[in-house]
Amino acid sequence: MAGTQKAASVRRAYDTVAEDYAAYFHDARTDTPDNLAVIDAFADAVAAGPAPGSVLDAGCGSGRMSRYLAARGTAVRGLDLSPGMIAQASRAQPGVPFDVGTLTDLPYDDGEFAGVLLWYSIIHTPAHAQPAIFAEVRRVVRAGGWVLAGFQTGAGVRDVAPAYRRYGHDVELVRYPFTPDQVARWMSEAGLRETERHVQPPEDDASDGGCALLAVA
């Protein structure tokens, strides 16, 4: 594909793979201890902050991080572009509310959340549309609330469809890696102040690294 991808294409891809995706990423055991430590630090910051309240898992997929946060006592609400993913999330965690929606037009009130988690959910949106995501995140998180964004690092465009075709799914799906400084700049421009940065180097020449940025509103 070209260097851009419309939301409808991403939605179709994840609707197609939702059942198998949910079976593979059933819970947080597929995440590294370092990643879970970052999630824990985010949840603890929300709980200890001046504006306690619920967390929005924005781009929640099949809901594994929503379930992880709920299990540790965090009030959480999930949102995803894909109705198929939301169906899987709701089935696995009926006590957590899940909504269908887009990151660039969140269906929530100003200042509704004490924290927003963007855990590898900005990766299907090209750079030119990232400021709109962080502006919406800043709108729905209250002053003193926290934002955690996880993403692959690098540059260019990655075609991830072959990984799904191996399981019999003929989809079109790309992702966009970013540099930590790019994402930090988008956060800052939206009114979020970076407080922590966790960078994971690539495992080999064929893979991307990862980064998690924690910021306060």
Protein backbone atom coordinates (compact mmCIF):
# COMPACT_ATOMS: atom_id res chain seq x y z
CA MET A 1 0.00 0.00 0.00
CA ALA A 2 0.96 3.63 -0.19
CA GLY A 3 2.09 5.57 2.85
CA THR A 4 -1.43 6.28 4.07
CA GLN A 5 -4.30 4.08 5.16
CA LYS A 6 -7.91 5.06 5.71
CA ALA A 7 -9.74 4.18 8.92
CA ALA A 8 -12.23 2.05 6.99
CA SER A 9 -9.41 -0.19 5.78
CA VAL A 10 -8.01 -0.60 9.29
CA ARG A 11 -11.50 -1.39 10.58
CA ARG A 12 -12.06 -4.05 7.95
CA ALA A 13 -8.71 -5.65 8.68
CA TYR A 14 -9.28 -5.90 12.42
CA ASP A 15 -12.88 -7.02 12.02
CA THR A 16 -11.54 -9.83 9.84
CA VAL A 17 -8.85 -10.99 12.27
CA ALA A 18 -10.67 -10.18 15.54
CA GLU A 19 -11.41 -13.74 16.65
CA ASP A 20 -7.92 -15.08 16.02
CA TYR A 21 -6.33 -11.92 17.43
CA ALA A 22 -8.31 -12.26 20.65
CA ALA A 23 -7.35 -15.92 20.96
CA TYR A 24 -3.65 -15.15 20.57
CA PHE A 25 -3.57 -11.94 22.65
CA HIS A 26 -5.93 -13.26 25.27
CA ASP A 27 -4.29 -11.48 28.18
CA ALA A 28 -1.20 -9.55 29.23
CA ARG A 29 1.01 -12.63 29.42
CA THR A 30 2.15 -11.88 25.86
CA ASP A 31 3.61 -8.58 27.09
CA THR A 32 7.11 -8.26 28.51
CA PRO A 33 7.69 -7.62 32.23
CA ASP A 34 9.19 -4.24 31.31
CA ASN A 35 6.04 -3.24 29.42
CA LEU A 36 3.79 -4.34 32.25
CA ALA A 37 5.93 -2.35 34.70
CA VAL A 38 5.30 0.76 32.58
CA ILE A 39 1.55 0.06 32.59
CA ASP A 40 1.66 -0.40 36.37
CA ALA A 41 3.51 2.90 36.80
CA PHE A 42 0.88 4.65 34.69
CA ALA A 43 -1.99 3.15 36.70
CA ASP A 44 -0.28 4.05 39.98
CA ALA A 45 0.24 7.63 38.78
CA VAL A 46 -3.45 7.91 37.91
CA ALA A 47 -4.47 6.52 41.31
CA ALA A 48 -2.13 8.88 43.17
CA GLY A 49 -2.88 11.95 41.11
CA PRO A 50 -4.89 15.02 42.08
CA ALA A 51 -7.69 13.97 39.73
CA PRO A 52 -8.45 10.30 40.39
CA GLY A 53 -10.99 8.61 38.18
CA SER A 54 -11.32 6.18 35.30
CA VAL A 55 -8.86 5.37 32.53
CA LEU A 56 -9.68 5.25 28.83
CA ASP A 57 -7.98 2.39 27.01
CA ALA A 58 -8.04 4.13 23.62
CA GLY A 59 -7.55 1.67 20.78
CA CYS A 60 -8.08 -1.25 23.13
CA GLY A 61 -8.28 -3.99 20.49
CA SER A 62 -9.63 -7.16 22.04
CA GLY A 63 -9.22 -5.61 25.48
CA ARG A 64 -6.26 -7.37 27.03
CA MET A 65 -4.90 -4.20 28.66
CA SER A 66 -8.39 -3.18 29.76
CA ARG A 67 -8.64 -6.54 31.52
CA TYR A 68 -5.18 -6.11 33.02
CA LEU A 69 -6.03 -2.68 34.41
CA ALA A 70 -9.41 -3.87 35.72
CA ALA A 71 -7.77 -6.82 37.46
CA ARG A 72 -5.46 -4.48 39.38
CA GLY A 73 -8.41 -2.36 40.51
CA THR A 74 -8.36 0.45 37.94
CA ALA A 75 -11.70 1.71 36.69
CA VAL A 76 -11.35 1.44 32.91
CA ARG A 77 -13.35 1.99 29.74
CA GLY A 78 -12.24 0.68 26.35
CA LEU A 79 -12.64 2.08 22.86
CA ASP A 80 -11.68 0.70 19.48
CA LEU A 81 -12.31 1.42 15.82
CA SER A 82 -13.26 -2.20 15.10
CA PRO A 83 -16.72 -3.50 16.11
CA GLY A 84 -15.31 -7.01 15.81
CA MET A 85 -12.60 -6.25 18.35
CA ILE A 86 -15.10 -4.61 20.68
CA ALA A 87 -17.31 -7.70 20.50
CA GLN A 88 -14.35 -9.84 21.55
CA ALA A 89 -13.42 -7.43 24.36
CA SER A 90 -16.99 -7.27 25.70
CA ARG A 91 -17.29 -11.05 25.64
CA ALA A 92 -14.05 -11.55 27.59
CA GLN A 93 -14.62 -8.77 30.14
CA PRO A 94 -18.37 -8.13 30.55
CA GLY A 95 -17.84 -5.88 33.57
CA VAL A 96 -15.89 -3.29 31.56
CA PRO A 97 -17.73 -0.85 29.25
CA PHE A 98 -16.45 -0.84 25.65
CA ASP A 99 -17.32 1.56 22.83
CA VAL A 100 -16.74 1.74 19.09
CA GLY A 101 -15.09 4.99 18.01
CA THR A 102 -12.05 6.69 16.51
CA LEU A 103 -9.02 8.19 18.22
CA THR A 104 -9.43 11.44 16.30
CA ASP A 105 -13.05 11.94 17.42
CA LEU A 106 -13.46 10.46 20.88
CA PRO A 107 -17.13 10.17 21.94
CA TYR A 108 -16.56 11.53 25.45
CA ASP A 109 -16.92 14.77 27.37
CA ASP A 110 -14.08 17.20 28.04
CA GLY A 111 -12.05 16.12 31.07
CA GLU A 112 -13.95 12.86 31.48
CA PHE A 113 -10.92 10.68 32.28
CA ALA A 114 -8.11 10.70 34.81
CA GLY A 115 -5.88 8.84 32.38
CA VAL A 116 -5.69 7.73 28.76
CA LEU A 117 -3.76 4.69 27.58
CA LEU A 118 -2.64 4.58 23.93
CA TRP A 119 -0.97 1.19 23.97
CA TYR A 120 0.32 0.57 20.44
CA SER A 121 -2.89 2.08 19.12
CA ILE A 122 -1.47 5.10 17.28
CA ILE A 123 0.53 2.87 14.94
CA HIS A 124 -1.97 2.70 12.08
CA THR A 125 -2.28 6.48 11.79
CA PRO A 126 0.24 8.40 9.65
CA ALA A 127 2.27 11.24 11.09
CA HIS A 128 0.17 14.05 9.63
CA ALA A 129 -2.89 12.88 11.61
CA GLN A 130 -1.12 12.26 14.93
CA PRO A 131 -1.65 15.83 16.27
CA ALA A 132 -5.41 15.29 15.98
CA ILE A 133 -5.16 12.17 18.14
CA PHE A 134 -3.22 13.89 20.90
CA ALA A 135 -5.48 16.95 20.80
CA GLU A 136 -8.48 14.67 21.41
CA VAL A 137 -6.65 12.82 24.17
CA ARG A 138 -5.80 16.10 25.87
CA ARG A 139 -9.43 17.20 25.56
CA VAL A 140 -10.85 14.15 27.36
CA VAL A 141 -8.18 13.89 30.09
CA ARG A 142 -8.62 16.24 33.03
CA ALA A 143 -5.93 18.59 34.32
CA GLY A 144 -3.42 16.60 36.33
CA GLY A 145 -4.37 13.39 34.53
CA TRP A 146 -1.93 11.03 32.84
CA VAL A 147 -1.34 9.77 29.31
CA LEU A 148 0.76 6.75 28.34
CA ALA A 149 1.58 6.09 24.68
CA GLY A 150 3.35 2.94 23.47
CA PHE A 151 4.55 2.52 19.88
CA GLN A 152 7.19 0.99 17.63
CA THR A 153 10.20 3.17 16.87
CA GLY A 154 11.71 3.81 13.48
CA ALA A 155 10.74 5.50 10.25
CA GLY A 156 8.81 4.68 7.09
CA VAL A 157 5.89 2.29 6.64
CA ARG A 158 5.61 -1.39 7.53
CA ASP A 159 3.30 -3.82 5.74
CA VAL A 160 1.99 -6.12 8.46
CA ALA A 161 -0.59 -7.93 6.32
CA PRO A 162 1.70 -10.93 5.61
CA ALA A 163 1.68 -11.82 9.30
CA TYR A 164 -2.10 -12.24 9.13
CA ARG A 165 -2.11 -13.96 5.75
CA ARG A 166 -0.12 -16.78 7.30
CA TYR A 167 -3.26 -17.48 9.34
CA GLY A 168 -5.56 -17.35 6.32
CA HIS A 169 -6.65 -13.70 6.53
CA ASP A 170 -6.41 -11.71 3.31
CA VAL A 171 -6.22 -8.18 4.71
CA GLU A 172 -4.52 -4.89 3.95
CA LEU A 173 -2.84 -3.34 6.97
CA VAL A 174 0.19 -1.11 7.48
CA ARG A 175 1.73 0.48 10.53
CA TYR A 176 3.87 3.54 11.05
CA PRO A 177 6.85 3.58 13.41
CA PHE A 178 7.85 6.93 14.91
CA THR A 179 10.78 8.35 16.81
CA PRO A 180 10.33 9.09 20.52
CA ASP A 181 11.01 12.76 19.83
CA GLN A 182 8.22 12.88 17.23
CA VAL A 183 5.65 11.54 19.66
CA ALA A 184 6.96 13.71 22.48
CA ARG A 185 6.54 16.74 20.24
CA TRP A 186 2.93 15.84 19.39
CA MET A 187 2.23 15.40 23.09
CA SER A 188 3.80 18.75 23.94
CA GLU A 189 1.91 20.57 21.19
CA ALA A 190 -1.33 19.16 22.61
CA GLY A 191 -0.53 20.42 26.12
CA LEU A 192 0.90 17.24 27.63
CA ARG A 193 4.20 17.28 29.51
CA GLU A 194 6.45 14.24 29.16
CA THR A 195 7.64 12.86 32.50
CA GLU A 196 9.16 9.47 31.61
CA ARG A 197 10.55 7.79 28.52
CA HIS A 198 11.22 4.07 28.21
CA VAL A 199 13.02 3.01 25.01
CA GLN A 200 13.54 -0.61 23.95
CA PRO A 201 16.18 -1.20 21.27
CA PRO A 202 15.42 -3.49 18.31
CA GLU A 203 16.06 -7.16 18.92
CA ASP A 204 17.75 -7.51 15.52
CA ASP A 205 18.25 -5.74 12.21
CA ALA A 206 14.88 -6.97 10.93
CA SER A 207 12.77 -5.59 13.79
CA ASP A 208 11.77 -2.21 15.17
CA GLY A 209 12.37 -1.03 18.69
CA GLY A 210 9.68 0.17 21.04
CA CYS A 211 9.00 3.18 23.23
CA ALA A 212 6.58 4.18 25.96
CA LEU A 213 6.12 7.84 26.84
CA LEU A 214 4.35 8.92 30.02
CA ALA A 215 2.99 12.46 30.16
CA VAL A 216 0.86 14.56 32.48
CA ALA A 217 -1.86 17.02 31.47
